[in-house]
Amino acid sequence: MTTGTSTAAPLPAIAEKHHFLLRKLHSLSGIVPLGLFFVEHMVSNFAAVGANGEVEFNATVKFLRGLPFVVFLEFFGIILPLFFHGILGMWIAFEGRVNVGRYSTPRNWAYVLQRVSGVIALVFVVFHLLHFRFASFGKPFEDVAFQAVHDRLSNPVWLVAYVIGVAATAFHLGNGVPLFCNSWGLTITPRSRSVMTRVGAAVGIVLFAMGTASAFAFQR
């Protein structure tokens, strides 16, 4: 009788063997498609801002849910990339070494905040999908979408949690923009890196402002 051995390597072993490729794919998936999904989501939610916010938001939700192959797009464009980026990101976050106590530099703080915000963003996005997408799957949700979000965010606890989630996700994406450009060799010179850092900061601030404005618009 022989003793069998598992052919499946644990995540750390896989990450060590394919470290370069996984880091590249992790960086890419954070921008395309997950980053684009977050941008689209903030833009869609921003439809709630304005005098006809309820009508505009419900119409936006109806349009998005009526897209061809929407389930296919959600599964391969959101669920699978989120699973990959989230699992690998959690491992990266917990295997990293934090040294802001010894070297309290902006770069080290950005390193820490990128990982902390990633954990918060993952919880936020998963919770958001469970409560606003999967819970309404197959149901006539389009005409009551605004009311459903209103009912949830009318609770101050959920409102604060939502704003924190948006802030963490916006920061994670904004700070991830220059990291992605650096990882893929798009920014070579110090000046180009500095420019993309400013671009990423602007992206994060704009998305946070849009998300916060939308959250309070749903209070109506």
C-alpha atoms as a PDB file:
ATOM      1  CA  MET A   1       0.000   0.000   0.000  1.00  0.00           C
ATOM      2  CA  THR A   2       1.462   3.343  -0.983  1.00  0.00           C
ATOM      3  CA  THR A   3       0.953   6.697   0.661  1.00  0.00           C
ATOM      4  CA  GLY A   4      -0.613   9.265  -1.639  1.00  0.00           C
ATOM      5  CA  THR A   5       0.510  12.882  -1.777  1.00  0.00           C
ATOM      6  CA  SER A   6      -1.595  15.871  -2.761  1.00  0.00           C
ATOM      7  CA  THR A   7      -0.794  17.406  -6.109  1.00  0.00           C
ATOM      8  CA  ALA A   8      -2.348  20.741  -5.111  1.00  0.00           C
ATOM      9  CA  ALA A   9       0.220  23.188  -3.860  1.00  0.00           C
ATOM     10  CA  PRO A  10      -0.794  25.633  -1.136  1.00  0.00           C
ATOM     11  CA  LEU A  11      -1.211  29.256  -2.102  1.00  0.00           C
ATOM     12  CA  PRO A  12       2.180  30.384  -0.687  1.00  0.00           C
ATOM     13  CA  ALA A  13       3.986  27.692  -2.718  1.00  0.00           C
ATOM     14  CA  ILE A  14       2.114  28.655  -5.874  1.00  0.00           C
ATOM     15  CA  ALA A  15       2.811  32.317  -5.217  1.00  0.00           C
ATOM     16  CA  GLU A  16       6.511  31.631  -4.786  1.00  0.00           C
ATOM     17  CA  LYS A  17       6.725  29.616  -7.986  1.00  0.00           C
ATOM     18  CA  HIS A  18       4.729  32.079 -10.112  1.00  0.00           C
ATOM     19  CA  HIS A  19       5.404  35.211  -8.092  1.00  0.00           C
ATOM     20  CA  PHE A  20       6.091  37.526 -11.042  1.00  0.00           C
ATOM     21  CA  LEU A  21       3.093  36.399 -13.112  1.00  0.00           C
ATOM     22  CA  LEU A  22       0.658  36.459 -10.196  1.00  0.00           C
ATOM     23  CA  ARG A  23       1.756  39.942  -9.157  1.00  0.00           C
ATOM     24  CA  LYS A  24       1.254  41.165 -12.715  1.00  0.00           C
ATOM     25  CA  LEU A  25      -2.199  39.599 -12.986  1.00  0.00           C
ATOM     26  CA  HIS A  26      -3.152  40.829  -9.531  1.00  0.00           C
ATOM     27  CA  SER A  27      -2.232  44.376 -10.501  1.00  0.00           C
ATOM     28  CA  LEU A  28      -4.047  44.100 -13.836  1.00  0.00           C
ATOM     29  CA  SER A  29      -7.245  42.656 -12.358  1.00  0.00           C
ATOM     30  CA  GLY A  30      -7.375  45.516  -9.863  1.00  0.00           C
ATOM     31  CA  ILE A  31      -7.632  48.001 -12.735  1.00  0.00           C
ATOM     32  CA  VAL A  32      -9.295  45.905 -15.438  1.00  0.00           C
ATOM     33  CA  PRO A  33     -11.998  44.872 -14.798  1.00  0.00           C
ATOM     34  CA  LEU A  34     -12.496  45.600 -11.062  1.00  0.00           C
ATOM     35  CA  GLY A  35     -11.378  49.214 -11.170  1.00  0.00           C
ATOM     36  CA  LEU A  36     -13.573  49.900 -14.177  1.00  0.00           C
ATOM     37  CA  PHE A  37     -16.479  48.183 -12.429  1.00  0.00           C
ATOM     38  CA  PHE A  38     -16.099  50.455  -9.407  1.00  0.00           C
ATOM     39  CA  VAL A  39     -15.925  53.544 -11.630  1.00  0.00           C
ATOM     40  CA  GLU A  40     -19.045  52.422 -13.511  1.00  0.00           C
ATOM     41  CA  HIS A  41     -20.795  51.724 -10.206  1.00  0.00           C
ATOM     42  CA  MET A  42     -20.027  55.172  -8.794  1.00  0.00           C
ATOM     43  CA  VAL A  43     -21.149  56.817 -12.032  1.00  0.00           C
ATOM     44  CA  SER A  44     -24.375  54.789 -12.024  1.00  0.00           C
ATOM     45  CA  ASN A  45     -25.079  55.610  -8.386  1.00  0.00           C
ATOM     46  CA  PHE A  46     -24.438  59.273  -9.108  1.00  0.00           C
ATOM     47  CA  ALA A  47     -27.591  59.211 -11.215  1.00  0.00           C
ATOM     48  CA  ALA A  48     -29.429  59.380  -7.876  1.00  0.00           C
ATOM     49  CA  VAL A  49     -28.129  62.928  -7.384  1.00  0.00           C
ATOM     50  CA  GLY A  50     -30.507  65.542  -8.729  1.00  0.00           C
ATOM     51  CA  ALA A  51     -34.171  66.483  -8.735  1.00  0.00           C
ATOM     52  CA  ASN A  52     -35.192  63.348 -10.664  1.00  0.00           C
ATOM     53  CA  GLY A  53     -32.691  61.105  -8.913  1.00  0.00           C
ATOM     54  CA  GLU A  54     -35.078  58.254  -8.168  1.00  0.00           C
ATOM     55  CA  VAL A  55     -36.321  58.015 -11.761  1.00  0.00           C
ATOM     56  CA  GLU A  56     -32.835  58.388 -13.233  1.00  0.00           C
ATOM     57  CA  PHE A  57     -31.292  55.795 -10.923  1.00  0.00           C
ATOM     58  CA  ASN A  58     -34.038  53.235 -11.545  1.00  0.00           C
ATOM     59  CA  ALA A  59     -33.676  53.795 -15.295  1.00  0.00           C
ATOM     60  CA  THR A  60     -29.907  53.280 -15.036  1.00  0.00           C
ATOM     61  CA  VAL A  61     -30.367  50.031 -13.118  1.00  0.00           C
ATOM     62  CA  LYS A  62     -32.916  48.840 -15.681  1.00  0.00           C
ATOM     63  CA  PHE A  63     -30.516  49.622 -18.533  1.00  0.00           C
ATOM     64  CA  LEU A  64     -27.605  47.797 -16.888  1.00  0.00           C
ATOM     65  CA  ARG A  65     -29.666  44.730 -16.060  1.00  0.00           C
ATOM     66  CA  GLY A  66     -30.990  44.645 -19.601  1.00  0.00           C
ATOM     67  CA  LEU A  67     -27.556  44.420 -21.199  1.00  0.00           C
ATOM     68  CA  PRO A  68     -26.978  41.337 -23.388  1.00  0.00           C
ATOM     69  CA  PHE A  69     -25.259  38.476 -21.556  1.00  0.00           C
ATOM     70  CA  VAL A  70     -25.355  40.466 -18.311  1.00  0.00           C
ATOM     71  CA  VAL A  71     -24.988  37.324 -16.155  1.00  0.00           C
ATOM     72  CA  PHE A  72     -21.984  36.225 -18.230  1.00  0.00           C
ATOM     73  CA  LEU A  73     -20.442  39.696 -17.889  1.00  0.00           C
ATOM     74  CA  GLU A  74     -21.014  39.780 -14.133  1.00  0.00           C
ATOM     75  CA  PHE A  75     -19.561  36.323 -13.580  1.00  0.00           C
ATOM     76  CA  PHE A  76     -16.448  36.671 -15.723  1.00  0.00           C
ATOM     77  CA  GLY A  77     -16.045  40.435 -15.359  1.00  0.00           C
ATOM     78  CA  ILE A  78     -16.713  40.812 -11.631  1.00  0.00           C
ATOM     79  CA  ILE A  79     -17.088  37.593  -9.632  1.00  0.00           C
ATOM     80  CA  LEU A  80     -14.063  35.646 -10.899  1.00  0.00           C
ATOM     81  CA  PRO A  81     -11.687  38.671 -10.958  1.00  0.00           C
ATOM     82  CA  LEU A  82     -12.906  39.651  -7.479  1.00  0.00           C
ATOM     83  CA  PHE A  83     -12.250  36.136  -6.191  1.00  0.00           C
ATOM     84  CA  PHE A  84      -8.753  36.088  -7.721  1.00  0.00           C
ATOM     85  CA  HIS A  85      -7.802  39.627  -6.712  1.00  0.00           C
ATOM     86  CA  GLY A  86      -9.313  39.280  -3.245  1.00  0.00           C
ATOM     87  CA  ILE A  87      -7.762  35.944  -2.291  1.00  0.00           C
ATOM     88  CA  LEU A  88      -4.332  36.822  -3.628  1.00  0.00           C
ATOM     89  CA  GLY A  89      -4.580  40.327  -2.196  1.00  0.00           C
ATOM     90  CA  MET A  90      -5.383  38.981   1.268  1.00  0.00           C
ATOM     91  CA  TRP A  91      -2.339  36.733   1.123  1.00  0.00           C
ATOM     92  CA  ILE A  92      -0.166  39.647  -0.022  1.00  0.00           C
ATOM     93  CA  ALA A  93      -1.575  41.832   2.765  1.00  0.00           C
ATOM     94  CA  PHE A  94      -0.881  39.346   5.549  1.00  0.00           C
ATOM     95  CA  GLU A  95       2.528  38.198   4.330  1.00  0.00           C
ATOM     96  CA  GLY A  96       3.830  41.754   3.988  1.00  0.00           C
ATOM     97  CA  ARG A  97       6.034  43.346   6.616  1.00  0.00           C
ATOM     98  CA  VAL A  98       4.883  46.581   8.212  1.00  0.00           C
ATOM     99  CA  ASN A  99       7.694  48.890   9.309  1.00  0.00           C
ATOM    100  CA  VAL A 100       6.004  52.273   9.670  1.00  0.00           C
ATOM    101  CA  GLY A 101       7.028  52.226  13.322  1.00  0.00           C
ATOM    102  CA  ARG A 102      10.676  52.381  12.320  1.00  0.00           C
ATOM    103  CA  TYR A 103      10.382  54.229   9.008  1.00  0.00           C
ATOM    104  CA  SER A 104       7.363  56.536   9.089  1.00  0.00           C
ATOM    105  CA  THR A 105       7.575  57.710   5.480  1.00  0.00           C
ATOM    106  CA  PRO A 106       4.693  58.494   3.100  1.00  0.00           C
ATOM    107  CA  ARG A 107       5.627  55.503   0.956  1.00  0.00           C
ATOM    108  CA  ASN A 108       5.496  53.127   3.929  1.00  0.00           C
ATOM    109  CA  TRP A 109       2.174  54.535   5.059  1.00  0.00           C
ATOM    110  CA  ALA A 110       0.806  54.152   1.531  1.00  0.00           C
ATOM    111  CA  TYR A 111       1.990  50.520   1.609  1.00  0.00           C
ATOM    112  CA  VAL A 112       0.078  49.880   4.843  1.00  0.00           C
ATOM    113  CA  LEU A 113      -3.047  51.778   3.824  1.00  0.00           C
ATOM    114  CA  GLN A 114      -3.170  50.001   0.465  1.00  0.00           C
ATOM    115  CA  ARG A 115      -3.409  46.673   2.247  1.00  0.00           C
ATOM    116  CA  VAL A 116      -5.813  47.807   4.959  1.00  0.00           C
ATOM    117  CA  SER A 117      -8.070  49.498   2.415  1.00  0.00           C
ATOM    118  CA  GLY A 118      -7.956  46.359   0.271  1.00  0.00           C
ATOM    119  CA  VAL A 119      -9.343  44.223   3.105  1.00  0.00           C
ATOM    120  CA  ILE A 120     -12.109  46.748   3.820  1.00  0.00           C
ATOM    121  CA  ALA A 121     -12.891  47.113   0.113  1.00  0.00           C
ATOM    122  CA  LEU A 122     -13.180  43.337  -0.328  1.00  0.00           C
ATOM    123  CA  VAL A 123     -15.652  43.030   2.544  1.00  0.00           C
ATOM    124  CA  PHE A 124     -17.575  46.059   1.244  1.00  0.00           C
ATOM    125  CA  VAL A 125     -17.877  44.805  -2.337  1.00  0.00           C
ATOM    126  CA  VAL A 126     -18.838  41.254  -1.313  1.00  0.00           C
ATOM    127  CA  PHE A 127     -21.467  42.562   1.108  1.00  0.00           C
ATOM    128  CA  HIS A 128     -22.753  44.976  -1.536  1.00  0.00           C
ATOM    129  CA  LEU A 129     -23.100  42.232  -4.142  1.00  0.00           C
ATOM    130  CA  LEU A 130     -24.852  39.899  -1.706  1.00  0.00           C
ATOM    131  CA  HIS A 131     -27.411  42.457  -0.581  1.00  0.00           C
ATOM    132  CA  PHE A 132     -28.062  44.424  -3.754  1.00  0.00           C
ATOM    133  CA  ARG A 133     -27.379  41.970  -6.592  1.00  0.00           C
ATOM    134  CA  PHE A 134     -27.713  38.369  -5.534  1.00  0.00           C
ATOM    135  CA  ALA A 135     -30.604  39.019  -3.132  1.00  0.00           C
ATOM    136  CA  SER A 136     -32.590  40.530  -6.002  1.00  0.00           C
ATOM    137  CA  PHE A 137     -31.483  38.076  -8.681  1.00  0.00           C
ATOM    138  CA  GLY A 138     -34.409  37.099 -10.906  1.00  0.00           C
ATOM    139  CA  LYS A 139     -36.740  39.575  -9.188  1.00  0.00           C
ATOM    140  CA  PRO A 140     -38.310  42.757 -10.645  1.00  0.00           C
ATOM    141  CA  PHE A 141     -35.850  45.007  -8.859  1.00  0.00           C
ATOM    142  CA  GLU A 142     -35.449  47.792 -11.428  1.00  0.00           C
ATOM    143  CA  ASP A 143     -38.521  49.847 -10.447  1.00  0.00           C
ATOM    144  CA  VAL A 144     -37.747  49.742  -6.713  1.00  0.00           C
ATOM    145  CA  ALA A 145     -33.936  49.957  -6.838  1.00  0.00           C
ATOM    146  CA  PHE A 146     -33.805  53.477  -5.409  1.00  0.00           C
ATOM    147  CA  GLN A 147     -36.232  52.574  -2.631  1.00  0.00           C
ATOM    148  CA  ALA A 148     -34.209  49.456  -1.724  1.00  0.00           C
ATOM    149  CA  VAL A 149     -30.992  51.443  -1.356  1.00  0.00           C
ATOM    150  CA  HIS A 150     -32.881  54.200   0.489  1.00  0.00           C
ATOM    151  CA  ASP A 151     -34.245  51.712   3.004  1.00  0.00           C
ATOM    152  CA  ARG A 152     -30.773  50.339   3.677  1.00  0.00           C
ATOM    153  CA  LEU A 153     -28.935  53.654   3.924  1.00  0.00           C
ATOM    154  CA  SER A 154     -31.629  55.287   6.051  1.00  0.00           C
ATOM    155  CA  ASN A 155     -30.035  53.389   8.921  1.00  0.00           C
ATOM    156  CA  PRO A 156     -27.137  55.598  10.167  1.00  0.00           C
ATOM    157  CA  VAL A 157     -24.977  52.530  10.867  1.00  0.00           C
ATOM    158  CA  TRP A 158     -25.297  51.294   7.282  1.00  0.00           C
ATOM    159  CA  LEU A 159     -24.752  54.813   5.956  1.00  0.00           C
ATOM    160  CA  VAL A 160     -21.475  55.184   7.855  1.00  0.00           C
ATOM    161  CA  ALA A 161     -20.392  51.679   6.816  1.00  0.00           C
ATOM    162  CA  TYR A 162     -21.192  52.505   3.192  1.00  0.00           C
ATOM    163  CA  VAL A 163     -19.198  55.743   3.227  1.00  0.00           C
ATOM    164  CA  ILE A 164     -16.244  53.952   4.850  1.00  0.00           C
ATOM    165  CA  GLY A 165     -16.462  51.215   2.214  1.00  0.00           C
ATOM    166  CA  VAL A 166     -16.534  53.753  -0.607  1.00  0.00           C
ATOM    167  CA  ALA A 167     -13.599  55.638   0.928  1.00  0.00           C
ATOM    168  CA  ALA A 168     -11.520  52.461   1.270  1.00  0.00           C
ATOM    169  CA  THR A 169     -12.308  51.290  -2.264  1.00  0.00           C
ATOM    170  CA  ALA A 170     -11.666  54.724  -3.776  1.00  0.00           C
ATOM    171  CA  PHE A 171      -8.323  54.977  -1.986  1.00  0.00           C
ATOM    172  CA  HIS A 172      -7.365  51.427  -2.950  1.00  0.00           C
ATOM    173  CA  LEU A 173      -8.074  52.100  -6.610  1.00  0.00           C
ATOM    174  CA  GLY A 174      -6.543  55.592  -6.643  1.00  0.00           C
ATOM    175  CA  ASN A 175      -3.357  54.399  -4.977  1.00  0.00           C
ATOM    176  CA  GLY A 176      -3.387  51.320  -7.173  1.00  0.00           C
ATOM    177  CA  VAL A 177      -3.231  53.367 -10.390  1.00  0.00           C
ATOM    178  CA  PRO A 178       0.442  54.438  -9.995  1.00  0.00           C
ATOM    179  CA  LEU A 179       1.312  50.988  -8.621  1.00  0.00           C
ATOM    180  CA  PHE A 180      -0.185  49.385 -11.725  1.00  0.00           C
ATOM    181  CA  CYS A 181       1.687  51.777 -14.038  1.00  0.00           C
ATOM    182  CA  ASN A 182       4.937  51.078 -12.226  1.00  0.00           C
ATOM    183  CA  SER A 183       4.377  47.305 -12.229  1.00  0.00           C
ATOM    184  CA  TRP A 184       3.686  47.226 -15.965  1.00  0.00           C
ATOM    185  CA  GLY A 185       6.557  49.532 -16.884  1.00  0.00           C
ATOM    186  CA  LEU A 186       4.347  52.411 -17.976  1.00  0.00           C
ATOM    187  CA  THR A 187       6.076  54.907 -15.709  1.00  0.00           C
ATOM    188  CA  ILE A 188       9.847  54.756 -15.968  1.00  0.00           C
ATOM    189  CA  THR A 189      11.064  58.190 -14.918  1.00  0.00           C
ATOM    190  CA  PRO A 190      10.562  59.799 -11.489  1.00  0.00           C
ATOM    191  CA  ARG A 191       8.527  62.552 -13.152  1.00  0.00           C
ATOM    192  CA  SER A 192       6.142  60.094 -14.802  1.00  0.00           C
ATOM    193  CA  ARG A 193       5.687  58.284 -11.484  1.00  0.00           C
ATOM    194  CA  SER A 194       4.954  61.580  -9.764  1.00  0.00           C
ATOM    195  CA  VAL A 195       2.376  62.505 -12.403  1.00  0.00           C
ATOM    196  CA  MET A 196       0.586  59.163 -12.108  1.00  0.00           C
ATOM    197  CA  THR A 197       0.563  59.444  -8.322  1.00  0.00           C
ATOM    198  CA  ARG A 198      -1.297  62.737  -8.695  1.00  0.00           C
ATOM    199  CA  VAL A 199      -3.626  61.216 -11.278  1.00  0.00           C
ATOM    200  CA  GLY A 200      -4.383  58.309  -8.952  1.00  0.00           C
ATOM    201  CA  ALA A 201      -5.053  60.679  -6.060  1.00  0.00           C
ATOM    202  CA  ALA A 202      -7.456  62.684  -8.246  1.00  0.00           C
ATOM    203  CA  VAL A 203      -9.246  59.501  -9.304  1.00  0.00           C
ATOM    204  CA  GLY A 204      -9.675  58.423  -5.680  1.00  0.00           C
ATOM    205  CA  ILE A 205     -10.932  61.832  -4.532  1.00  0.00           C
ATOM    206  CA  VAL A 206     -13.439  62.179  -7.383  1.00  0.00           C
ATOM    207  CA  LEU A 207     -14.829  58.664  -6.872  1.00  0.00           C
ATOM    208  CA  PHE A 208     -15.121  59.178  -3.119  1.00  0.00           C
ATOM    209  CA  ALA A 209     -16.932  62.494  -3.665  1.00  0.00           C
ATOM    210  CA  MET A 210     -19.340  60.887  -6.142  1.00  0.00           C
ATOM    211  CA  GLY A 211     -19.992  57.914  -3.858  1.00  0.00           C
ATOM    212  CA  THR A 212     -20.597  60.095  -0.805  1.00  0.00           C
ATOM    213  CA  ALA A 213     -22.905  62.467  -2.707  1.00  0.00           C
ATOM    214  CA  SER A 214     -24.863  59.456  -3.970  1.00  0.00           C
ATOM    215  CA  ALA A 215     -25.156  57.992  -0.462  1.00  0.00           C
ATOM    216  CA  PHE A 216     -26.750  61.158   0.862  1.00  0.00           C
ATOM    217  CA  ALA A 217     -28.931  61.475  -2.251  1.00  0.00           C
ATOM    218  CA  PHE A 218     -30.442  58.110  -1.393  1.00  0.00           C
ATOM    219  CA  GLN A 219     -31.589  59.605   1.912  1.00  0.00           C
ATOM    220  CA  ARG A 220     -34.409  61.411   0.139  1.00  0.00           C
END
